[in-house]
C-alpha atoms as a PDB file:
ATOM      1  CA  MET A   1       0.535  -3.124  -0.101  1.00  0.00           C
ATOM      2  CA  PRO A   2       1.949  -3.009   3.449  1.00  0.00           C
ATOM      3  CA  LYS A   3      -0.478  -3.380   6.319  1.00  0.00           C
ATOM      4  CA  ASP A   4       0.096  -1.898   9.761  1.00  0.00           C
ATOM      5  CA  ASN A   5      -2.388  -3.764  11.946  1.00  0.00           C
ATOM      6  CA  ALA A   6      -0.689  -2.934  15.213  1.00  0.00           C
ATOM      7  CA  THR A   7      -1.752  -4.728  18.376  1.00  0.00           C
ATOM      8  CA  SER A   8      -4.462  -2.771  20.200  1.00  0.00           C
ATOM      9  CA  ASN A   9      -3.343  -0.911  23.308  1.00  0.00           C
ATOM     10  CA  ARG A  10      -5.828   0.017  26.006  1.00  0.00           C
ATOM     11  CA  ILE A  11      -4.588   3.392  27.181  1.00  0.00           C
ATOM     12  CA  GLU A  12      -5.964   5.303  30.124  1.00  0.00           C
ATOM     13  CA  PRO A  13      -4.490   8.785  29.646  1.00  0.00           C
ATOM     14  CA  THR A  14      -3.456  11.004  32.523  1.00  0.00           C
ATOM     15  CA  SER A  15      -1.727  13.861  30.695  1.00  0.00           C
ATOM     16  CA  ARG A  16      -3.234  17.332  30.282  1.00  0.00           C
ATOM     17  CA  ILE A  17      -3.095  19.995  27.580  1.00  0.00           C
ATOM     18  CA  GLU A  18       0.189  21.892  27.408  1.00  0.00           C
ATOM     19  CA  PRO A  19       0.478  25.660  27.102  1.00  0.00           C
ATOM     20  CA  PRO A  20       0.567  27.067  23.548  1.00  0.00           C
ATOM     21  CA  SER A  21       3.739  26.162  21.644  1.00  0.00           C
ATOM     22  CA  ARG A  22       5.925  28.567  19.666  1.00  0.00           C
ATOM     23  CA  ILE A  23       6.986  27.996  16.075  1.00  0.00           C
ATOM     24  CA  GLU A  24      10.249  29.397  14.718  1.00  0.00           C
ATOM     25  CA  LYS A  25      10.943  28.648  11.041  1.00  0.00           C
ATOM     26  CA  SER A  26      12.647  30.317   8.093  1.00  0.00           C
ATOM     27  CA  ALA A  27      13.090  29.559   4.408  1.00  0.00           C
ATOM     28  CA  LEU A  28      14.767  31.187   1.414  1.00  0.00           C
ATOM     29  CA  VAL A  29      12.920  31.876  -1.820  1.00  0.00           C
ATOM     30  CA  GLY A  30      14.268  29.726  -4.631  1.00  0.00           C
ATOM     31  CA  GLU A  31      13.560  29.593  -8.337  1.00  0.00           C
ATOM     32  CA  ALA A  32      10.539  27.344  -7.839  1.00  0.00           C
ATOM     33  CA  VAL A  33       8.545  30.083  -6.075  1.00  0.00           C
ATOM     34  CA  HIS A  34      10.247  33.214  -7.467  1.00  0.00           C
ATOM     35  CA  GLY A  35       7.614  35.786  -8.464  1.00  0.00           C
ATOM     36  CA  GLN A  36       4.725  34.098  -6.639  1.00  0.00           C
ATOM     37  CA  ARG A  37       2.417  35.775  -4.135  1.00  0.00           C
ATOM     38  CA  LEU A  38       3.747  35.649  -0.593  1.00  0.00           C
ATOM     39  CA  ASP A  39       0.919  33.435   0.688  1.00  0.00           C
ATOM     40  CA  ARG A  40       1.306  30.976  -2.168  1.00  0.00           C
ATOM     41  CA  ALA A  41       5.085  30.837  -1.763  1.00  0.00           C
ATOM     42  CA  ALA A  42       4.668  30.362   1.985  1.00  0.00           C
ATOM     43  CA  ALA A  43       2.325  27.422   1.383  1.00  0.00           C
ATOM     44  CA  SER A  44       5.038  25.781  -0.733  1.00  0.00           C
ATOM     45  CA  LEU A  45       7.861  26.513   1.706  1.00  0.00           C
ATOM     46  CA  PHE A  46       5.881  25.615   4.862  1.00  0.00           C
ATOM     47  CA  PRO A  47       3.660  22.768   3.562  1.00  0.00           C
ATOM     48  CA  GLU A  48       2.687  21.575   7.034  1.00  0.00           C
ATOM     49  CA  PHE A  49       0.405  24.618   7.452  1.00  0.00           C
ATOM     50  CA  SER A  50      -2.745  25.468   5.542  1.00  0.00           C
ATOM     51  CA  ARG A  51      -2.778  28.511   3.287  1.00  0.00           C
ATOM     52  CA  ALA A  52      -5.531  30.060   5.412  1.00  0.00           C
ATOM     53  CA  ARG A  53      -3.425  29.790   8.562  1.00  0.00           C
ATOM     54  CA  LEU A  54      -0.386  31.241   6.777  1.00  0.00           C
ATOM     55  CA  GLN A  55      -2.486  34.150   5.499  1.00  0.00           C
ATOM     56  CA  ALA A  56      -3.570  34.895   9.068  1.00  0.00           C
ATOM     57  CA  TRP A  57       0.054  34.920  10.207  1.00  0.00           C
ATOM     58  CA  ILE A  58       1.012  37.242   7.341  1.00  0.00           C
ATOM     59  CA  LYS A  59      -1.783  39.589   8.337  1.00  0.00           C
ATOM     60  CA  ASP A  60      -0.782  39.740  12.008  1.00  0.00           C
ATOM     61  CA  GLY A  61       2.941  40.059  11.252  1.00  0.00           C
ATOM     62  CA  SER A  62       3.986  36.624  12.478  1.00  0.00           C
ATOM     63  CA  LEU A  63       5.203  35.725   8.972  1.00  0.00           C
ATOM     64  CA  THR A  64       7.555  38.326   7.528  1.00  0.00           C
ATOM     65  CA  LEU A  65       9.263  38.801   4.173  1.00  0.00           C
ATOM     66  CA  SER A  66      12.954  39.741   4.441  1.00  0.00           C
ATOM     67  CA  GLU A  67      12.383  41.201   7.930  1.00  0.00           C
ATOM     68  CA  ARG A  68       9.434  43.359   6.910  1.00  0.00           C
ATOM     69  CA  ILE A  69       5.692  42.994   7.235  1.00  0.00           C
ATOM     70  CA  ALA A  70       4.195  42.369   3.806  1.00  0.00           C
ATOM     71  CA  ARG A  71       0.809  41.654   2.296  1.00  0.00           C
ATOM     72  CA  ALA A  72      -0.346  38.209   1.201  1.00  0.00           C
ATOM     73  CA  LYS A  73      -0.484  39.359  -2.432  1.00  0.00           C
ATOM     74  CA  ASP A  74       3.039  40.858  -2.487  1.00  0.00           C
ATOM     75  CA  PRO A  75       5.436  38.999  -4.816  1.00  0.00           C
ATOM     76  CA  VAL A  76       8.547  37.257  -3.529  1.00  0.00           C
ATOM     77  CA  VAL A  77      11.868  37.301  -5.356  1.00  0.00           C
ATOM     78  CA  LEU A  78      14.874  35.033  -5.451  1.00  0.00           C
ATOM     79  CA  GLY A  79      16.859  35.264  -2.207  1.00  0.00           C
ATOM     80  CA  ASP A  80      14.041  36.681  -0.050  1.00  0.00           C
ATOM     81  CA  GLU A  81      13.765  35.144   3.408  1.00  0.00           C
ATOM     82  CA  LEU A  82      10.427  34.102   4.838  1.00  0.00           C
ATOM     83  CA  ARG A  83      10.568  34.014   8.618  1.00  0.00           C
ATOM     84  CA  LEU A  84       7.781  32.549  10.719  1.00  0.00           C
ATOM     85  CA  SER A  85       7.599  33.319  14.422  1.00  0.00           C
ATOM     86  CA  ALA A  86       4.175  32.391  15.735  1.00  0.00           C
ATOM     87  CA  VAL A  87       2.320  30.822  18.610  1.00  0.00           C
ATOM     88  CA  LEU A  88       0.016  27.874  18.069  1.00  0.00           C
ATOM     89  CA  GLU A  89      -2.885  28.967  20.218  1.00  0.00           C
ATOM     90  CA  SER A  90      -5.414  26.475  21.482  1.00  0.00           C
ATOM     91  CA  LYS A  91      -8.309  26.100  19.033  1.00  0.00           C
ATOM     92  CA  THR A  92     -10.455  24.201  21.506  1.00  0.00           C
ATOM     93  CA  SER A  93     -11.850  24.961  24.926  1.00  0.00           C
ATOM     94  CA  TRP A  94     -13.097  21.444  25.570  1.00  0.00           C
ATOM     95  CA  GLN A  95     -12.287  19.489  28.684  1.00  0.00           C
ATOM     96  CA  ALA A  96      -9.645  16.770  28.612  1.00  0.00           C
ATOM     97  CA  GLN A  97     -10.972  13.562  30.165  1.00  0.00           C
ATOM     98  CA  ASP A  98      -9.404  10.267  31.201  1.00  0.00           C
ATOM     99  CA  ILE A  99     -11.501   8.065  28.926  1.00  0.00           C
ATOM    100  CA  PRO A 100      -9.912   4.770  27.788  1.00  0.00           C
ATOM    101  CA  LEU A 101      -8.813   4.668  24.150  1.00  0.00           C
ATOM    102  CA  GLU A 102      -8.048   1.695  21.928  1.00  0.00           C
ATOM    103  CA  ILE A 103      -5.189   2.919  19.751  1.00  0.00           C
ATOM    104  CA  LEU A 104      -4.027   0.729  16.866  1.00  0.00           C
ATOM    105  CA  PHE A 105      -1.247   3.037  15.666  1.00  0.00           C
ATOM    106  CA  GLU A 106       0.389   6.234  16.826  1.00  0.00           C
ATOM    107  CA  ASP A 107       3.326   8.394  15.784  1.00  0.00           C
ATOM    108  CA  GLU A 108       4.163  12.100  15.833  1.00  0.00           C
ATOM    109  CA  HIS A 109       1.747  12.874  12.991  1.00  0.00           C
ATOM    110  CA  LEU A 110      -1.361  10.777  13.565  1.00  0.00           C
ATOM    111  CA  LEU A 111      -3.304   8.253  15.597  1.00  0.00           C
ATOM    112  CA  VAL A 112      -5.584   5.453  14.412  1.00  0.00           C
ATOM    113  CA  VAL A 113      -8.332   4.672  16.921  1.00  0.00           C
ATOM    114  CA  ASN A 114     -10.789   1.788  17.124  1.00  0.00           C
ATOM    115  CA  LYS A 115     -13.930   3.552  18.356  1.00  0.00           C
ATOM    116  CA  PRO A 116     -16.464   1.641  20.479  1.00  0.00           C
ATOM    117  CA  SER A 117     -20.201   2.091  20.278  1.00  0.00           C
ATOM    118  CA  ASN A 118     -22.009   4.606  22.496  1.00  0.00           C
ATOM    119  CA  LEU A 119     -19.253   7.199  22.071  1.00  0.00           C
ATOM    120  CA  VAL A 120     -19.832  10.536  20.331  1.00  0.00           C
ATOM    121  CA  VAL A 121     -16.798  11.633  18.310  1.00  0.00           C
ATOM    122  CA  HIS A 122     -16.979  15.393  18.730  1.00  0.00           C
ATOM    123  CA  PRO A 123     -18.313  17.724  21.460  1.00  0.00           C
ATOM    124  CA  GLY A 124     -21.367  19.714  20.508  1.00  0.00           C
ATOM    125  CA  ALA A 125     -24.494  21.327  21.842  1.00  0.00           C
ATOM    126  CA  GLY A 126     -25.777  19.157  24.656  1.00  0.00           C
ATOM    127  CA  ASN A 127     -22.660  16.976  24.891  1.00  0.00           C
ATOM    128  CA  PRO A 128     -19.588  19.087  25.798  1.00  0.00           C
ATOM    129  CA  LYS A 129     -17.816  16.115  27.397  1.00  0.00           C
ATOM    130  CA  ASP A 130     -17.581  12.297  27.379  1.00  0.00           C
ATOM    131  CA  THR A 131     -16.604  12.250  23.692  1.00  0.00           C
ATOM    132  CA  LEU A 132     -13.703  10.824  21.722  1.00  0.00           C
ATOM    133  CA  VAL A 133     -12.191  14.298  21.381  1.00  0.00           C
ATOM    134  CA  ASN A 134     -12.245  14.783  25.170  1.00  0.00           C
ATOM    135  CA  ALA A 135     -10.303  11.523  25.498  1.00  0.00           C
ATOM    136  CA  LEU A 136      -7.849  12.495  22.752  1.00  0.00           C
ATOM    137  CA  LEU A 137      -7.143  15.886  24.352  1.00  0.00           C
ATOM    138  CA  ALA A 138      -6.143  14.125  27.556  1.00  0.00           C
ATOM    139  CA  HIS A 139      -4.020  11.523  25.783  1.00  0.00           C
ATOM    140  CA  ARG A 140      -2.119  13.658  23.284  1.00  0.00           C
ATOM    141  CA  LYS A 141      -0.514  16.976  24.144  1.00  0.00           C
ATOM    142  CA  GLY A 142      -0.961  19.607  21.467  1.00  0.00           C
ATOM    143  CA  LEU A 143      -4.147  18.335  19.810  1.00  0.00           C
ATOM    144  CA  SER A 144      -5.896  21.415  21.179  1.00  0.00           C
ATOM    145  CA  THR A 145      -3.969  23.543  18.658  1.00  0.00           C
ATOM    146  CA  LEU A 146      -5.479  21.696  15.689  1.00  0.00           C
ATOM    147  CA  PRO A 147      -8.903  22.361  14.164  1.00  0.00           C
ATOM    148  CA  ARG A 148     -11.556  20.153  15.818  1.00  0.00           C
ATOM    149  CA  GLY A 149      -8.916  18.555  18.012  1.00  0.00           C
ATOM    150  CA  GLY A 150      -7.401  16.671  15.061  1.00  0.00           C
ATOM    151  CA  ILE A 151     -10.658  15.073  13.876  1.00  0.00           C
ATOM    152  CA  VAL A 152     -10.757  14.910  10.059  1.00  0.00           C
ATOM    153  CA  HIS A 153     -13.683  12.483   9.618  1.00  0.00           C
ATOM    154  CA  ARG A 154     -16.329  11.051  11.906  1.00  0.00           C
ATOM    155  CA  LEU A 155     -18.340   8.002  12.823  1.00  0.00           C
ATOM    156  CA  ASP A 156     -21.841   8.113  14.271  1.00  0.00           C
ATOM    157  CA  LYS A 157     -22.188   7.608  18.030  1.00  0.00           C
ATOM    158  CA  ASP A 158     -23.106   3.922  17.795  1.00  0.00           C
ATOM    159  CA  THR A 159     -21.005   3.011  14.761  1.00  0.00           C
ATOM    160  CA  THR A 160     -17.855   1.142  15.742  1.00  0.00           C
ATOM    161  CA  GLY A 161     -14.450   0.974  14.097  1.00  0.00           C
ATOM    162  CA  LEU A 162     -11.582   2.904  12.624  1.00  0.00           C
ATOM    163  CA  LEU A 163     -10.860   6.624  12.699  1.00  0.00           C
ATOM    164  CA  VAL A 164      -7.640   8.398  11.775  1.00  0.00           C
ATOM    165  CA  VAL A 165      -6.853  11.510  13.832  1.00  0.00           C
ATOM    166  CA  ALA A 166      -4.350  14.188  12.818  1.00  0.00           C
ATOM    167  CA  ALA A 167      -1.710  15.001  15.435  1.00  0.00           C
ATOM    168  CA  SER A 168       0.247  17.617  13.460  1.00  0.00           C
ATOM    169  CA  SER A 169      -0.535  20.476  11.103  1.00  0.00           C
ATOM    170  CA  LEU A 170       1.086  18.541   8.266  1.00  0.00           C
ATOM    171  CA  ALA A 171      -1.151  15.534   8.918  1.00  0.00           C
ATOM    172  CA  GLN A 172      -4.285  17.642   9.309  1.00  0.00           C
ATOM    173  CA  LYS A 173      -3.722  19.315   5.952  1.00  0.00           C
ATOM    174  CA  SER A 174      -2.745  16.091   4.156  1.00  0.00           C
ATOM    175  CA  LEU A 175      -5.564  13.938   5.515  1.00  0.00           C
ATOM    176  CA  VAL A 176      -8.213  16.544   4.713  1.00  0.00           C
ATOM    177  CA  GLU A 177      -6.864  16.778   1.155  1.00  0.00           C
ATOM    178  CA  GLN A 178      -6.821  12.962   0.811  1.00  0.00           C
ATOM    179  CA  LEU A 179     -10.436  12.768   1.945  1.00  0.00           C
ATOM    180  CA  GLN A 180     -11.486  15.548  -0.416  1.00  0.00           C
ATOM    181  CA  THR A 181      -9.748  13.895  -3.380  1.00  0.00           C
ATOM    182  CA  LYS A 182     -11.139  10.437  -2.484  1.00  0.00           C
ATOM    183  CA  GLN A 183      -7.737   8.917  -1.752  1.00  0.00           C
ATOM    184  CA  VAL A 184      -8.800   7.465   1.598  1.00  0.00           C
ATOM    185  CA  THR A 185     -10.341   3.989   1.451  1.00  0.00           C
ATOM    186  CA  ARG A 186     -13.049   3.281   4.040  1.00  0.00           C
ATOM    187  CA  GLU A 187     -14.704  -0.118   4.090  1.00  0.00           C
ATOM    188  CA  TYR A 188     -17.554  -1.047   6.440  1.00  0.00           C
ATOM    189  CA  LEU A 189     -19.448  -4.151   7.462  1.00  0.00           C
ATOM    190  CA  ALA A 190     -23.212  -3.751   7.702  1.00  0.00           C
ATOM    191  CA  VAL A 191     -25.997  -6.154   8.605  1.00  0.00           C
ATOM    192  CA  VAL A 192     -29.124  -5.190   6.687  1.00  0.00           C
ATOM    193  CA  ARG A 193     -32.719  -6.395   6.580  1.00  0.00           C
ATOM    194  CA  GLY A 194     -33.633  -8.073   3.314  1.00  0.00           C
ATOM    195  CA  GLU A 195     -31.662 -10.218   0.914  1.00  0.00           C
ATOM    196  CA  PRO A 196     -29.750  -8.245  -1.717  1.00  0.00           C
ATOM    197  CA  THR A 197     -27.947 -10.249  -4.362  1.00  0.00           C
ATOM    198  CA  GLY A 198     -24.485  -9.563  -5.715  1.00  0.00           C
ATOM    199  CA  SER A 199     -23.359  -5.968  -5.527  1.00  0.00           C
ATOM    200  CA  GLY A 200     -24.698  -2.505  -6.156  1.00  0.00           C
ATOM    201  CA  ARG A 201     -24.009   1.195  -6.323  1.00  0.00           C
ATOM    202  CA  VAL A 202     -26.150   3.924  -4.792  1.00  0.00           C
ATOM    203  CA  GLU A 203     -25.719   7.399  -6.238  1.00  0.00           C
ATOM    204  CA  ALA A 204     -28.245   9.705  -4.606  1.00  0.00           C
ATOM    205  CA  ALA A 205     -27.774  13.203  -3.194  1.00  0.00           C
ATOM    206  CA  ILE A 206     -28.168  13.558   0.574  1.00  0.00           C
ATOM    207  CA  GLY A 207     -29.291  16.574   2.563  1.00  0.00           C
ATOM    208  CA  ARG A 208     -31.184  17.590   5.675  1.00  0.00           C
ATOM    209  CA  HIS A 209     -34.679  16.082   5.859  1.00  0.00           C
ATOM    210  CA  PRO A 210     -37.151  18.826   4.848  1.00  0.00           C
ATOM    211  CA  ARG A 211     -39.432  18.223   7.871  1.00  0.00           C
ATOM    212  CA  GLN A 212     -37.462  16.227  10.434  1.00  0.00           C
ATOM    213  CA  ARG A 213     -34.348  18.363  10.842  1.00  0.00           C
ATOM    214  CA  THR A 214     -32.441  15.840  12.958  1.00  0.00           C
ATOM    215  CA  LYS A 215     -32.535  13.351  10.062  1.00  0.00           C
ATOM    216  CA  MET A 216     -30.845  13.187   6.681  1.00  0.00           C
ATOM    217  CA  ALA A 217     -32.617  12.085   3.518  1.00  0.00           C
ATOM    218  CA  VAL A 218     -32.152  11.403  -0.187  1.00  0.00           C
ATOM    219  CA  LEU A 219     -33.190  14.603  -1.971  1.00  0.00           C
ATOM    220  CA  GLU A 220     -34.004  15.253  -5.591  1.00  0.00           C
ATOM    221  CA  HIS A 221     -32.984  18.904  -5.246  1.00  0.00           C
ATOM    222  CA  GLY A 222     -30.532  20.656  -2.965  1.00  0.00           C
ATOM    223  CA  GLY A 223     -28.647  17.678  -1.578  1.00  0.00           C
ATOM    224  CA  LYS A 224     -24.914  16.986  -1.786  1.00  0.00           C
ATOM    225  CA  GLU A 225     -23.422  14.335  -4.049  1.00  0.00           C
ATOM    226  CA  ALA A 226     -23.205  10.962  -2.309  1.00  0.00           C
ATOM    227  CA  VAL A 227     -22.003   7.623  -3.710  1.00  0.00           C
ATOM    228  CA  THR A 228     -21.995   4.295  -1.851  1.00  0.00           C
ATOM    229  CA  HIS A 229     -20.871   0.873  -3.108  1.00  0.00           C
ATOM    230  CA  TYR A 230     -21.929  -2.416  -1.544  1.00  0.00           C
ATOM    231  CA  ARG A 231     -21.444  -6.121  -2.177  1.00  0.00           C
ATOM    232  CA  LEU A 232     -22.834  -9.220  -0.565  1.00  0.00           C
ATOM    233  CA  SER A 233     -20.372 -10.724   1.908  1.00  0.00           C
ATOM    234  CA  ARG A 234     -22.560 -13.370   3.553  1.00  0.00           C
ATOM    235  CA  ARG A 235     -26.163 -14.494   3.222  1.00  0.00           C
ATOM    236  CA  LEU A 236     -28.080 -14.528   6.507  1.00  0.00           C
ATOM    237  CA  TYR A 237     -31.594 -15.652   7.361  1.00  0.00           C
ATOM    238  CA  GLY A 238     -33.856 -12.861   6.124  1.00  0.00           C
ATOM    239  CA  HIS A 239     -30.858 -10.545   6.268  1.00  0.00           C
ATOM    240  CA  ALA A 240     -27.446 -10.034   4.696  1.00  0.00           C
ATOM    241  CA  LEU A 241     -23.929  -9.071   5.712  1.00  0.00           C
ATOM    242  CA  LEU A 242     -22.640  -6.428   3.301  1.00  0.00           C
ATOM    243  CA  SER A 243     -19.229  -4.961   2.633  1.00  0.00           C
ATOM    244  CA  VAL A 244     -19.772  -1.254   2.002  1.00  0.00           C
ATOM    245  CA  SER A 245     -17.351   1.391   0.733  1.00  0.00           C
ATOM    246  CA  LEU A 246     -17.711   5.144   0.387  1.00  0.00           C
ATOM    247  CA  GLU A 247     -16.752   7.528  -2.386  1.00  0.00           C
ATOM    248  CA  THR A 248     -18.104  10.464  -0.398  1.00  0.00           C
ATOM    249  CA  GLY A 249     -18.566  11.101   3.306  1.00  0.00           C
ATOM    250  CA  ARG A 250     -21.999  12.570   3.983  1.00  0.00           C
ATOM    251  CA  THR A 251     -23.659  12.475   7.384  1.00  0.00           C
ATOM    252  CA  HIS A 252     -25.402   9.092   7.919  1.00  0.00           C
ATOM    253  CA  GLN A 253     -24.568   8.200   4.313  1.00  0.00           C
ATOM    254  CA  ILE A 254     -24.576   4.398   4.542  1.00  0.00           C
ATOM    255  CA  ARG A 255     -27.642   4.349   6.781  1.00  0.00           C
ATOM    256  CA  VAL A 256     -29.597   6.665   4.478  1.00  0.00           C
ATOM    257  CA  HIS A 257     -28.513   5.025   1.218  1.00  0.00           C
ATOM    258  CA  MET A 258     -29.186   1.455   2.314  1.00  0.00           C
ATOM    259  CA  ALA A 259     -32.625   2.377   3.667  1.00  0.00           C
ATOM    260  CA  HIS A 260     -33.325   4.199   0.386  1.00  0.00           C
ATOM    261  CA  ARG A 261     -32.374   1.068  -1.554  1.00  0.00           C
ATOM    262  CA  GLY A 262     -34.744  -1.008   0.616  1.00  0.00           C
ATOM    263  CA  TYR A 263     -32.146  -2.671   2.851  1.00  0.00           C
ATOM    264  CA  PRO A 264     -32.153  -0.735   6.143  1.00  0.00           C
ATOM    265  CA  LEU A 265     -29.503  -1.494   8.753  1.00  0.00           C
ATOM    266  CA  VAL A 266     -30.473  -3.770  11.606  1.00  0.00           C
ATOM    267  CA  GLY A 267     -30.977  -1.838  14.837  1.00  0.00           C
ATOM    268  CA  ASP A 268     -30.976   1.583  13.208  1.00  0.00           C
ATOM    269  CA  PRO A 269     -33.220   3.707  15.463  1.00  0.00           C
ATOM    270  CA  VAL A 270     -33.627   6.469  12.866  1.00  0.00           C
ATOM    271  CA  TYR A 271     -33.723   4.849   9.435  1.00  0.00           C
ATOM    272  CA  GLY A 272     -34.455   1.200  10.278  1.00  0.00           C
ATOM    273  CA  GLY A 273     -38.202   1.341   9.768  1.00  0.00           C
ATOM    274  CA  ARG A 274     -40.672  -1.018  11.403  1.00  0.00           C
ATOM    275  CA  PHE A 275     -39.105  -3.930  13.306  1.00  0.00           C
ATOM    276  CA  ARG A 276     -39.724  -7.323  11.668  1.00  0.00           C
ATOM    277  CA  ILE A 277     -38.924 -10.927  12.526  1.00  0.00           C
ATOM    278  CA  PRO A 278     -38.665 -13.315   9.548  1.00  0.00           C
ATOM    279  CA  ALA A 279     -41.002 -16.296   9.776  1.00  0.00           C
ATOM    280  CA  GLY A 280     -39.335 -19.414  11.142  1.00  0.00           C
ATOM    281  CA  MET A 281     -36.396 -17.655  12.791  1.00  0.00           C
ATOM    282  CA  SER A 282     -34.912 -19.480  15.785  1.00  0.00           C
ATOM    283  CA  ASP A 283     -35.631 -18.240  19.294  1.00  0.00           C
ATOM    284  CA  GLY A 284     -31.960 -17.427  19.872  1.00  0.00           C
ATOM    285  CA  ALA A 285     -31.668 -15.316  16.746  1.00  0.00           C
ATOM    286  CA  THR A 286     -34.969 -13.598  17.513  1.00  0.00           C
ATOM    287  CA  THR A 287     -33.759 -12.655  20.987  1.00  0.00           C
ATOM    288  CA  LEU A 288     -30.491 -11.209  19.679  1.00  0.00           C
ATOM    289  CA  LEU A 289     -32.251  -9.346  16.893  1.00  0.00           C
ATOM    290  CA  ARG A 290     -34.725  -7.775  19.323  1.00  0.00           C
ATOM    291  CA  GLY A 291     -31.921  -6.815  21.685  1.00  0.00           C
ATOM    292  CA  PHE A 292     -29.651  -5.190  19.096  1.00  0.00           C
ATOM    293  CA  LYS A 293     -30.316  -1.513  19.783  1.00  0.00           C
ATOM    294  CA  ARG A 294     -27.728   0.216  17.595  1.00  0.00           C
ATOM    295  CA  GLN A 295     -27.129   0.378  13.864  1.00  0.00           C
ATOM    296  CA  ALA A 296     -25.255  -2.772  12.816  1.00  0.00           C
ATOM    297  CA  LEU A 297     -22.380  -0.883  11.199  1.00  0.00           C
ATOM    298  CA  HIS A 298     -18.634  -1.294  11.718  1.00  0.00           C
ATOM    299  CA  ALA A 299     -15.787   0.641  10.045  1.00  0.00           C
ATOM    300  CA  ARG A 300     -13.566  -2.362   9.393  1.00  0.00           C
ATOM    301  CA  VAL A 301     -10.822  -1.184   6.996  1.00  0.00           C
ATOM    302  CA  LEU A 302      -9.046   2.150   6.661  1.00  0.00           C
ATOM    303  CA  ARG A 303      -6.355   2.843   4.066  1.00  0.00           C
ATOM    304  CA  PHE A 304      -4.516   6.128   3.438  1.00  0.00           C
ATOM    305  CA  GLN A 305      -1.113   7.651   2.683  1.00  0.00           C
ATOM    306  CA  HIS A 306       1.049   8.638   5.612  1.00  0.00           C
ATOM    307  CA  PRO A 307       1.374  12.454   5.505  1.00  0.00           C
ATOM    308  CA  ALA A 308       5.133  12.489   6.125  1.00  0.00           C
ATOM    309  CA  SER A 309       6.555   9.236   4.715  1.00  0.00           C
ATOM    310  CA  ALA A 310       4.039   8.792   1.855  1.00  0.00           C
ATOM    311  CA  ARG A 311       3.812   5.117   2.823  1.00  0.00           C
ATOM    312  CA  ILE A 312       0.407   3.509   2.278  1.00  0.00           C
ATOM    313  CA  LEU A 313      -0.986   2.398   5.630  1.00  0.00           C
ATOM    314  CA  GLU A 314      -3.844  -0.071   5.991  1.00  0.00           C
ATOM    315  CA  PHE A 315      -5.618  -1.021   9.207  1.00  0.00           C
ATOM    316  CA  GLU A 316      -8.303  -3.553  10.004  1.00  0.00           C
ATOM    317  CA  ALA A 317     -10.433  -3.536  13.149  1.00  0.00           C
ATOM    318  CA  PRO A 318     -11.911  -6.830  14.384  1.00  0.00           C
ATOM    319  CA  VAL A 319     -15.683  -7.163  14.403  1.00  0.00           C
ATOM    320  CA  PRO A 320     -16.984  -6.181  17.866  1.00  0.00           C
ATOM    321  CA  ALA A 321     -18.476  -8.929  20.024  1.00  0.00           C
ATOM    322  CA  ASP A 322     -22.107  -7.769  19.824  1.00  0.00           C
ATOM    323  CA  LEU A 323     -22.056  -7.583  16.027  1.00  0.00           C
ATOM    324  CA  HIS A 324     -20.239 -10.921  15.718  1.00  0.00           C
ATOM    325  CA  SER A 325     -22.876 -12.605  17.891  1.00  0.00           C
ATOM    326  CA  LEU A 326     -25.661 -11.104  15.796  1.00  0.00           C
ATOM    327  CA  ILE A 327     -24.093 -12.295  12.530  1.00  0.00           C
ATOM    328  CA  GLU A 328     -23.585 -15.847  13.807  1.00  0.00           C
ATOM    329  CA  ALA A 329     -27.112 -16.005  15.218  1.00  0.00           C
ATOM    330  CA  LEU A 330     -28.651 -14.867  11.933  1.00  0.00           C
ATOM    331  CA  ALA A 331     -26.565 -17.469  10.093  1.00  0.00           C
ATOM    332  CA  GLU A 332     -28.178 -20.316  12.053  1.00  0.00           C
ATOM    333  CA  THR A 333     -30.475 -22.765  10.289  1.00  0.00           C
ATOM    334  CA  PRO A 334     -34.033 -21.630  11.101  1.00  0.00           C
ATOM    335  CA  GLU A 335     -36.343 -23.839  13.100  1.00  0.00           C
ATOM    336  CA  VAL A 336     -38.753 -26.028  11.139  1.00  0.00           C
ATOM    337  CA  VAL A 337     -42.291 -24.808  11.760  1.00  0.00           C
END
């Protein structure tokens, strides 16, 4: 399987969002779509756009059938011409900011970013700026026309590692579909408290905590399906380094599932439980453990199919310095007491 681990580029963007762009496309109805509904035929003939977006253009007259305004349910016949003349309006009103980005790969359809800790991915209530999306909007012209600025999956604020960002309608549609059909591989490194052996699988539904609404929790009723796989990568003193992969992508999934299994992530301020120091741990390791104030979680590997070329791309992000230091400290031989 080919691997595109491009050299990281520190980019300090200076560009700004361009005005809305116009789309002019046409296609003839062939035998493959003859007799289909207009919206379904349009989705086949213009695969870079979602069916919902095409339906909106049919409704407002931007997508016509043989030079006439038609309904989404109207059938098309052999030889009909579908003509699209539309404007890609901005879907975001967020500020573009010159925030440095570490980009591992970029082409006309997508970007792969190595996200640092202490960076929120998406603007929201209380944080309209200083996010990854604000940086992306400054770096890449046209991302404002895509839903959520091209974001198709997220990492928590203090989780480091790999994110793929859509930069075209074709990529946005394809990547969302790949995530929904579990065709995207996401592998993480996690340092957990406790000493699990071998490997394991956690299948437990996750939903909003019934009392603490800012938290997620494993629920017996009403949660969404969530499946996490883990295996022991390295034994540490009183802790373990795990390789974790996801079948689903629920909010805080790894953090919630590992805490539920009894192996909370080191440094997790929400699900980590009471802080503990294993007996006999060296002073150096104790100091690093006390000072590690974020969840010890890193999105290390990302694998998916390129939306345009269908080539399988795989990326690997190096372990960040703070996590590497923690791992090596916990691997030390404990002091004899």
